[in-house]
Amino acid sequence: MPEVCDLPAGCQDWQTQWPWPRPLAGVAWRGVNFTAPSVCAADFATRGIELPARLATAIAKRRGEFLAGRLCAREALYAATGRVEVPGIAADRAPCWPEGTLGSITHSGGFAAAMAAPRDAWQGLGLDAETLLSPARAERLAPQILTPEEHAWCKRLDHDAQALFTTLAFSSKESLFKALYPLIGVRFYFQDAALIDWHPVTGHITLQLRRTLCDGWASGVTLEGQYTETASRLLSLVAIPSNSVQ
């Protein structure tokens, strides 16, 4: 199998270059743009990806997201492990990664991406893509996304930076959930974690749990991540090293 697969007609602009400031050992990433109405059922069969029964009658957007996301996951797994595998679906509808591996899948506004790695170096990986919020929408959503401390921090920024901050807080908390939930099996929400450090130049971020989730993951625990942005999209990741035993 070639390292870069032949994309179906509905997918284009295959992205293989690591977009964040710092690489992660053993972690591979793939991204792709897709046009959902151009994705057809035959694309699943010809690419060796099973269309879940619950998506057989779903709208084109959902089928396109699933196919593009699984294509990215398959290629990321191949780049990381040399094995051609596709994540299944767990009972909670989260990706079920092949034994000995872990990863994360995201999609947003006609873009999908995935990262994958062998499990020996990492115990959690979370990836999220978000379209940058407009200042008006960011202001409207801020009370749901931001803790009181984050909201106070945000208000000290200029108007455009407030929108970026709110988008980053939303995305990084999504990445945190994707990295941590498969590890502990406990759901948590936007107010249960906070962005406490943000370095626009280096792309480094730090998040802190604001409630105890389970043994080993208490309120006050911090986790590290990265982000990068383009003119229209923000990509965040949170990676939990295998030696991060709290």
C-alpha atoms as a PDB file:
ATOM      1  CA  MET A   1       0.000   0.000   0.000  1.00  0.00           C
ATOM      2  CA  PRO A   2       1.425   3.449  -0.884  1.00  0.00           C
ATOM      3  CA  GLU A   3       2.047   5.889   1.929  1.00  0.00           C
ATOM      4  CA  VAL A   4      -0.433   8.341   0.391  1.00  0.00           C
ATOM      5  CA  CYS A   5      -3.660   6.676  -0.661  1.00  0.00           C
ATOM      6  CA  ASP A   6      -5.697   7.388  -3.774  1.00  0.00           C
ATOM      7  CA  LEU A   7      -8.443   9.715  -2.557  1.00  0.00           C
ATOM      8  CA  PRO A   8     -12.057   9.339  -3.688  1.00  0.00           C
ATOM      9  CA  ALA A   9     -13.591  12.105  -5.782  1.00  0.00           C
ATOM     10  CA  GLY A  10     -15.143  13.800  -2.750  1.00  0.00           C
ATOM     11  CA  CYS A  11     -11.796  14.226  -0.957  1.00  0.00           C
ATOM     12  CA  GLN A  12      -8.885  16.428  -1.961  1.00  0.00           C
ATOM     13  CA  ASP A  13      -5.835  18.311  -0.699  1.00  0.00           C
ATOM     14  CA  TRP A  14      -4.238  15.425   1.217  1.00  0.00           C
ATOM     15  CA  GLN A  15      -2.186  16.848   4.103  1.00  0.00           C
ATOM     16  CA  THR A  16       0.735  14.888   5.534  1.00  0.00           C
ATOM     17  CA  GLN A  17       3.050  17.556   6.950  1.00  0.00           C
ATOM     18  CA  TRP A  18       2.938  17.946  10.749  1.00  0.00           C
ATOM     19  CA  PRO A  19       1.197  21.319  11.320  1.00  0.00           C
ATOM     20  CA  TRP A  20       2.060  22.029  14.975  1.00  0.00           C
ATOM     21  CA  PRO A  21       5.265  23.672  16.225  1.00  0.00           C
ATOM     22  CA  ARG A  22       6.667  20.545  17.917  1.00  0.00           C
ATOM     23  CA  PRO A  23       6.504  16.951  16.664  1.00  0.00           C
ATOM     24  CA  LEU A  24       5.436  14.167  19.006  1.00  0.00           C
ATOM     25  CA  ALA A  25       7.550  11.014  19.074  1.00  0.00           C
ATOM     26  CA  GLY A  26       5.891   8.179  17.186  1.00  0.00           C
ATOM     27  CA  VAL A  27       2.751  10.168  16.356  1.00  0.00           C
ATOM     28  CA  ALA A  28       1.592  10.471  12.737  1.00  0.00           C
ATOM     29  CA  TRP A  29      -1.081  12.771  11.397  1.00  0.00           C
ATOM     30  CA  ARG A  30      -3.127  13.073   8.206  1.00  0.00           C
ATOM     31  CA  GLY A  31      -5.668  15.672   7.102  1.00  0.00           C
ATOM     32  CA  VAL A  32      -7.951  16.095   4.090  1.00  0.00           C
ATOM     33  CA  ASN A  33     -10.565  18.461   2.728  1.00  0.00           C
ATOM     34  CA  PHE A  34     -13.795  16.869   1.550  1.00  0.00           C
ATOM     35  CA  THR A  35     -16.994  17.770  -0.262  1.00  0.00           C
ATOM     36  CA  ALA A  36     -19.705  15.700   1.372  1.00  0.00           C
ATOM     37  CA  PRO A  37     -22.212  15.597  -1.559  1.00  0.00           C
ATOM     38  CA  SER A  38     -19.488  14.074  -3.765  1.00  0.00           C
ATOM     39  CA  VAL A  39     -18.970  11.101  -1.411  1.00  0.00           C
ATOM     40  CA  CYS A  40     -20.947   8.015  -2.463  1.00  0.00           C
ATOM     41  CA  ALA A  41     -21.543   4.605  -0.907  1.00  0.00           C
ATOM     42  CA  ALA A  42     -19.153   2.961  -3.378  1.00  0.00           C
ATOM     43  CA  ASP A  43     -16.302   5.040  -1.977  1.00  0.00           C
ATOM     44  CA  PHE A  44     -16.497   3.095   1.284  1.00  0.00           C
ATOM     45  CA  ALA A  45     -16.243  -0.311  -0.395  1.00  0.00           C
ATOM     46  CA  THR A  46     -13.425   0.646  -2.760  1.00  0.00           C
ATOM     47  CA  ARG A  47     -11.383   2.088   0.126  1.00  0.00           C
ATOM     48  CA  GLY A  48     -11.979  -0.881   2.447  1.00  0.00           C
ATOM     49  CA  ILE A  49     -13.949   1.146   4.991  1.00  0.00           C
ATOM     50  CA  GLU A  50     -17.236  -0.255   6.301  1.00  0.00           C
ATOM     51  CA  LEU A  51     -20.191   2.128   6.300  1.00  0.00           C
ATOM     52  CA  PRO A  52     -21.897   1.768   9.700  1.00  0.00           C
ATOM     53  CA  ALA A  53     -25.530   0.726   9.494  1.00  0.00           C
ATOM     54  CA  ARG A  54     -26.637   3.815  11.391  1.00  0.00           C
ATOM     55  CA  LEU A  55     -25.109   6.010   8.650  1.00  0.00           C
ATOM     56  CA  ALA A  56     -26.660   4.162   5.705  1.00  0.00           C
ATOM     57  CA  THR A  57     -29.572   6.608   5.632  1.00  0.00           C
ATOM     58  CA  ALA A  58     -27.758   9.571   7.181  1.00  0.00           C
ATOM     59  CA  ILE A  59     -27.366  12.872   5.379  1.00  0.00           C
ATOM     60  CA  ALA A  60     -24.421  13.270   3.009  1.00  0.00           C
ATOM     61  CA  LYS A  61     -22.563  15.453   5.512  1.00  0.00           C
ATOM     62  CA  ARG A  62     -22.394  12.670   8.109  1.00  0.00           C
ATOM     63  CA  ARG A  63     -21.304  10.029   5.591  1.00  0.00           C
ATOM     64  CA  GLY A  64     -18.661  12.363   4.201  1.00  0.00           C
ATOM     65  CA  GLU A  65     -17.322  13.155   7.658  1.00  0.00           C
ATOM     66  CA  PHE A  66     -17.086   9.474   8.536  1.00  0.00           C
ATOM     67  CA  LEU A  67     -15.347   8.431   5.324  1.00  0.00           C
ATOM     68  CA  ALA A  68     -12.868  11.325   5.374  1.00  0.00           C
ATOM     69  CA  GLY A  69     -12.107  10.801   9.064  1.00  0.00           C
ATOM     70  CA  ARG A  70     -11.557   7.046   8.665  1.00  0.00           C
ATOM     71  CA  LEU A  71      -9.353   7.585   5.607  1.00  0.00           C
ATOM     72  CA  CYS A  72      -7.192   9.925   7.684  1.00  0.00           C
ATOM     73  CA  ALA A  73      -7.123   7.461  10.581  1.00  0.00           C
ATOM     74  CA  ARG A  74      -6.135   4.555   8.328  1.00  0.00           C
ATOM     75  CA  GLU A  75      -3.298   6.517   6.754  1.00  0.00           C
ATOM     76  CA  ALA A  76      -2.110   7.875  10.120  1.00  0.00           C
ATOM     77  CA  LEU A  77      -2.077   4.325  11.520  1.00  0.00           C
ATOM     78  CA  TYR A  78      -0.145   3.097   8.502  1.00  0.00           C
ATOM     79  CA  ALA A  79       2.418   5.888   8.860  1.00  0.00           C
ATOM     80  CA  ALA A  80       2.790   5.215  12.601  1.00  0.00           C
ATOM     81  CA  THR A  81       2.766   1.411  12.638  1.00  0.00           C
ATOM     82  CA  GLY A  82       3.155   0.120   9.078  1.00  0.00           C
ATOM     83  CA  ARG A  83      -0.152  -1.734   9.421  1.00  0.00           C
ATOM     84  CA  VAL A  84      -3.232  -1.123   7.264  1.00  0.00           C
ATOM     85  CA  GLU A  85      -6.068  -0.887   9.794  1.00  0.00           C
ATOM     86  CA  VAL A  86      -9.197   1.183  10.304  1.00  0.00           C
ATOM     87  CA  PRO A  87     -10.573   2.082  13.758  1.00  0.00           C
ATOM     88  CA  GLY A  88     -13.882   0.460  14.612  1.00  0.00           C
ATOM     89  CA  ILE A  89     -16.701   2.022  16.604  1.00  0.00           C
ATOM     90  CA  ALA A  90     -17.061   1.554  20.362  1.00  0.00           C
ATOM     91  CA  ALA A  91     -20.399   1.288  22.153  1.00  0.00           C
ATOM     92  CA  ASP A  92     -20.273   5.020  22.921  1.00  0.00           C
ATOM     93  CA  ARG A  93     -19.621   5.711  19.195  1.00  0.00           C
ATOM     94  CA  ALA A  94     -16.034   6.790  19.834  1.00  0.00           C
ATOM     95  CA  PRO A  95     -13.310   5.365  17.572  1.00  0.00           C
ATOM     96  CA  CYS A  96     -12.118   1.939  18.695  1.00  0.00           C
ATOM     97  CA  TRP A  97      -8.413   1.872  17.880  1.00  0.00           C
ATOM     98  CA  PRO A  98      -6.615  -1.370  16.983  1.00  0.00           C
ATOM     99  CA  GLU A  99      -4.848  -3.166  19.815  1.00  0.00           C
ATOM    100  CA  GLY A 100      -1.574  -1.535  20.775  1.00  0.00           C
ATOM    101  CA  THR A 101      -2.450   1.800  19.193  1.00  0.00           C
ATOM    102  CA  LEU A 102      -4.328   4.972  20.056  1.00  0.00           C
ATOM    103  CA  GLY A 103      -5.356   8.098  18.256  1.00  0.00           C
ATOM    104  CA  SER A 104      -7.979  10.736  17.621  1.00  0.00           C
ATOM    105  CA  ILE A 105     -10.228  11.841  14.747  1.00  0.00           C
ATOM    106  CA  THR A 106     -11.798  15.233  14.070  1.00  0.00           C
ATOM    107  CA  HIS A 107     -13.843  16.937  11.369  1.00  0.00           C
ATOM    108  CA  SER A 108     -15.080  20.479  10.915  1.00  0.00           C
ATOM    109  CA  GLY A 109     -16.484  22.442   7.999  1.00  0.00           C
ATOM    110  CA  GLY A 110     -15.398  20.180   5.150  1.00  0.00           C
ATOM    111  CA  PHE A 111     -12.097  19.204   6.759  1.00  0.00           C
ATOM    112  CA  ALA A 112     -11.157  15.960   8.507  1.00  0.00           C
ATOM    113  CA  ALA A 113      -7.986  14.831  10.253  1.00  0.00           C
ATOM    114  CA  ALA A 114      -6.621  12.078  12.455  1.00  0.00           C
ATOM    115  CA  MET A 115      -3.527  11.266  14.462  1.00  0.00           C
ATOM    116  CA  ALA A 116      -2.327   7.858  15.592  1.00  0.00           C
ATOM    117  CA  ALA A 117       0.581   6.285  17.454  1.00  0.00           C
ATOM    118  CA  PRO A 118       1.728   3.043  19.074  1.00  0.00           C
ATOM    119  CA  ARG A 119       0.562   2.905  22.677  1.00  0.00           C
ATOM    120  CA  ASP A 120       4.030   2.496  24.204  1.00  0.00           C
ATOM    121  CA  ALA A 121       4.841   6.234  24.346  1.00  0.00           C
ATOM    122  CA  TRP A 122       1.408   7.777  24.914  1.00  0.00           C
ATOM    123  CA  GLN A 123      -1.635   6.958  26.986  1.00  0.00           C
ATOM    124  CA  GLY A 124      -3.877   9.638  25.508  1.00  0.00           C
ATOM    125  CA  LEU A 125      -4.101  11.646  22.281  1.00  0.00           C
ATOM    126  CA  GLY A 126      -6.740  14.269  21.542  1.00  0.00           C
ATOM    127  CA  LEU A 127      -7.143  16.216  18.301  1.00  0.00           C
ATOM    128  CA  ASP A 128      -9.682  18.890  17.392  1.00  0.00           C
ATOM    129  CA  ALA A 129     -10.289  21.184  14.411  1.00  0.00           C
ATOM    130  CA  GLU A 130     -12.511  24.235  14.643  1.00  0.00           C
ATOM    131  CA  THR A 131     -13.532  27.002  12.279  1.00  0.00           C
ATOM    132  CA  LEU A 132     -12.456  30.263  13.894  1.00  0.00           C
ATOM    133  CA  LEU A 133     -15.365  31.909  15.684  1.00  0.00           C
ATOM    134  CA  SER A 134     -16.444  35.366  14.620  1.00  0.00           C
ATOM    135  CA  PRO A 135     -16.176  38.003  17.374  1.00  0.00           C
ATOM    136  CA  ALA A 136     -19.978  38.154  17.686  1.00  0.00           C
ATOM    137  CA  ARG A 137     -20.401  34.374  17.958  1.00  0.00           C
ATOM    138  CA  ALA A 138     -17.470  34.073  20.352  1.00  0.00           C
ATOM    139  CA  GLU A 139     -19.045  36.654  22.647  1.00  0.00           C
ATOM    140  CA  ARG A 140     -22.358  34.798  22.545  1.00  0.00           C
ATOM    141  CA  LEU A 141     -20.813  31.387  23.297  1.00  0.00           C
ATOM    142  CA  ALA A 142     -18.194  32.515  25.833  1.00  0.00           C
ATOM    143  CA  PRO A 143     -20.387  31.988  28.948  1.00  0.00           C
ATOM    144  CA  GLN A 144     -20.893  28.337  27.987  1.00  0.00           C
ATOM    145  CA  ILE A 145     -17.266  27.645  27.061  1.00  0.00           C
ATOM    146  CA  LEU A 146     -15.212  29.721  29.505  1.00  0.00           C
ATOM    147  CA  THR A 147     -14.786  29.414  33.242  1.00  0.00           C
ATOM    148  CA  PRO A 148     -15.098  32.686  35.203  1.00  0.00           C
ATOM    149  CA  GLU A 149     -11.293  32.965  35.313  1.00  0.00           C
ATOM    150  CA  GLU A 150     -10.994  32.367  31.575  1.00  0.00           C
ATOM    151  CA  HIS A 151     -13.740  34.884  30.918  1.00  0.00           C
ATOM    152  CA  ALA A 152     -11.913  37.536  32.943  1.00  0.00           C
ATOM    153  CA  TRP A 153      -8.705  36.787  31.035  1.00  0.00           C
ATOM    154  CA  CYS A 154     -10.545  36.964  27.725  1.00  0.00           C
ATOM    155  CA  LYS A 155     -12.068  40.349  28.541  1.00  0.00           C
ATOM    156  CA  ARG A 156      -8.594  41.816  29.010  1.00  0.00           C
ATOM    157  CA  LEU A 157      -7.704  40.984  25.383  1.00  0.00           C
ATOM    158  CA  ASP A 158      -8.518  43.133  22.378  1.00  0.00           C
ATOM    159  CA  HIS A 159     -11.706  42.384  20.435  1.00  0.00           C
ATOM    160  CA  ASP A 160     -10.237  40.105  17.735  1.00  0.00           C
ATOM    161  CA  ALA A 161      -8.017  38.255  20.214  1.00  0.00           C
ATOM    162  CA  GLN A 162     -11.099  37.493  22.321  1.00  0.00           C
ATOM    163  CA  ALA A 163     -12.569  35.494  19.436  1.00  0.00           C
ATOM    164  CA  LEU A 164      -9.335  33.543  18.997  1.00  0.00           C
ATOM    165  CA  PHE A 165      -9.085  32.892  22.735  1.00  0.00           C
ATOM    166  CA  THR A 166     -12.656  31.575  22.912  1.00  0.00           C
ATOM    167  CA  THR A 167     -12.093  29.347  19.872  1.00  0.00           C
ATOM    168  CA  LEU A 168      -8.865  28.050  21.407  1.00  0.00           C
ATOM    169  CA  ALA A 169     -10.502  27.356  24.768  1.00  0.00           C
ATOM    170  CA  PHE A 170     -13.307  25.451  23.055  1.00  0.00           C
ATOM    171  CA  SER A 171     -10.975  23.447  20.810  1.00  0.00           C
ATOM    172  CA  SER A 172      -8.389  22.644  23.469  1.00  0.00           C
ATOM    173  CA  LYS A 173     -11.079  21.382  25.854  1.00  0.00           C
ATOM    174  CA  GLU A 174     -12.439  19.178  23.080  1.00  0.00           C
ATOM    175  CA  SER A 175      -8.913  17.804  22.557  1.00  0.00           C
ATOM    176  CA  LEU A 176      -8.533  17.298  26.302  1.00  0.00           C
ATOM    177  CA  PHE A 177     -11.756  15.304  26.433  1.00  0.00           C
ATOM    178  CA  LYS A 178     -10.714  13.127  23.485  1.00  0.00           C
ATOM    179  CA  ALA A 179      -7.348  12.415  25.119  1.00  0.00           C
ATOM    180  CA  LEU A 180      -8.621  11.750  28.632  1.00  0.00           C
ATOM    181  CA  TYR A 181     -12.069  10.173  28.287  1.00  0.00           C
ATOM    182  CA  PRO A 182     -10.878   6.904  26.670  1.00  0.00           C
ATOM    183  CA  LEU A 183      -8.371   6.589  29.510  1.00  0.00           C
ATOM    184  CA  ILE A 184     -10.707   7.140  32.465  1.00  0.00           C
ATOM    185  CA  GLY A 185     -14.233   6.611  31.103  1.00  0.00           C
ATOM    186  CA  VAL A 186     -15.571   9.684  32.904  1.00  0.00           C
ATOM    187  CA  ARG A 187     -17.396  12.412  31.011  1.00  0.00           C
ATOM    188  CA  PHE A 188     -16.663  16.023  31.807  1.00  0.00           C
ATOM    189  CA  TYR A 189     -17.629  19.387  30.397  1.00  0.00           C
ATOM    190  CA  PHE A 190     -16.335  22.846  29.495  1.00  0.00           C
ATOM    191  CA  GLN A 191     -16.490  24.210  33.035  1.00  0.00           C
ATOM    192  CA  ASP A 192     -14.509  21.219  34.373  1.00  0.00           C
ATOM    193  CA  ALA A 193     -11.239  22.352  32.781  1.00  0.00           C
ATOM    194  CA  ALA A 194      -9.565  25.681  32.106  1.00  0.00           C
ATOM    195  CA  LEU A 195      -6.976  27.067  29.744  1.00  0.00           C
ATOM    196  CA  ILE A 196      -4.392  28.525  32.120  1.00  0.00           C
ATOM    197  CA  ASP A 197      -1.407  29.193  29.836  1.00  0.00           C
ATOM    198  CA  TRP A 198      -1.287  30.253  26.192  1.00  0.00           C
ATOM    199  CA  HIS A 199       1.787  31.147  24.145  1.00  0.00           C
ATOM    200  CA  PRO A 200       0.772  32.414  20.673  1.00  0.00           C
ATOM    201  CA  VAL A 201       4.381  32.464  19.429  1.00  0.00           C
ATOM    202  CA  THR A 202       5.218  28.858  20.370  1.00  0.00           C
ATOM    203  CA  GLY A 203       1.722  27.412  20.105  1.00  0.00           C
ATOM    204  CA  HIS A 204       2.029  25.899  23.585  1.00  0.00           C
ATOM    205  CA  ILE A 205      -1.035  25.605  25.828  1.00  0.00           C
ATOM    206  CA  THR A 206      -1.649  24.294  29.338  1.00  0.00           C
ATOM    207  CA  LEU A 207      -5.006  23.131  30.663  1.00  0.00           C
ATOM    208  CA  GLN A 208      -5.976  22.440  34.256  1.00  0.00           C
ATOM    209  CA  LEU A 209      -8.725  20.209  35.599  1.00  0.00           C
ATOM    210  CA  ARG A 210     -11.203  22.137  37.724  1.00  0.00           C
ATOM    211  CA  ARG A 211     -12.901  19.119  39.273  1.00  0.00           C
ATOM    212  CA  THR A 212     -11.722  15.690  40.372  1.00  0.00           C
ATOM    213  CA  LEU A 213     -12.677  13.148  37.732  1.00  0.00           C
ATOM    214  CA  CYS A 214     -11.387   9.948  39.351  1.00  0.00           C
ATOM    215  CA  ASP A 215      -8.440   8.578  41.303  1.00  0.00           C
ATOM    216  CA  GLY A 216      -5.272   9.969  39.773  1.00  0.00           C
ATOM    217  CA  TRP A 217      -7.019  12.800  37.949  1.00  0.00           C
ATOM    218  CA  ALA A 218      -7.800  15.353  40.631  1.00  0.00           C
ATOM    219  CA  SER A 219      -8.750  18.986  40.437  1.00  0.00           C
ATOM    220  CA  GLY A 220      -5.588  20.997  39.772  1.00  0.00           C
ATOM    221  CA  VAL A 221      -3.870  18.456  37.518  1.00  0.00           C
ATOM    222  CA  THR A 222      -2.372  20.117  34.434  1.00  0.00           C
ATOM    223  CA  LEU A 223      -1.993  18.765  30.899  1.00  0.00           C
ATOM    224  CA  GLU A 224       0.005  20.151  28.000  1.00  0.00           C
ATOM    225  CA  GLY A 225      -0.997  20.756  24.410  1.00  0.00           C
ATOM    226  CA  GLN A 226      -0.308  22.669  21.223  1.00  0.00           C
ATOM    227  CA  TYR A 227      -2.277  24.614  18.667  1.00  0.00           C
ATOM    228  CA  THR A 228      -1.816  26.109  15.231  1.00  0.00           C
ATOM    229  CA  GLU A 229      -4.064  28.302  13.132  1.00  0.00           C
ATOM    230  CA  THR A 230      -4.661  29.223   9.521  1.00  0.00           C
ATOM    231  CA  ALA A 231      -6.786  31.997   8.075  1.00  0.00           C
ATOM    232  CA  SER A 232      -9.971  30.050   8.790  1.00  0.00           C
ATOM    233  CA  ARG A 233      -9.202  27.094  11.066  1.00  0.00           C
ATOM    234  CA  LEU A 234      -7.620  26.254  14.396  1.00  0.00           C
ATOM    235  CA  LEU A 235      -6.115  22.846  15.181  1.00  0.00           C
ATOM    236  CA  SER A 236      -5.391  21.811  18.759  1.00  0.00           C
ATOM    237  CA  LEU A 237      -3.955  18.692  20.329  1.00  0.00           C
ATOM    238  CA  VAL A 238      -3.463  17.333  23.827  1.00  0.00           C
ATOM    239  CA  ALA A 239      -1.043  14.447  24.354  1.00  0.00           C
ATOM    240  CA  ILE A 240      -0.710  12.489  27.621  1.00  0.00           C
ATOM    241  CA  PRO A 241       2.662  10.730  27.911  1.00  0.00           C
ATOM    242  CA  SER A 242       2.709   7.131  29.081  1.00  0.00           C
ATOM    243  CA  ASN A 243       4.582   8.163  32.246  1.00  0.00           C
ATOM    244  CA  SER A 244       1.922  10.728  33.266  1.00  0.00           C
ATOM    245  CA  VAL A 245       0.617   8.770  36.234  1.00  0.00           C
ATOM    246  CA  GLN A 246      -1.024  11.182  38.634  1.00  0.00           C
END
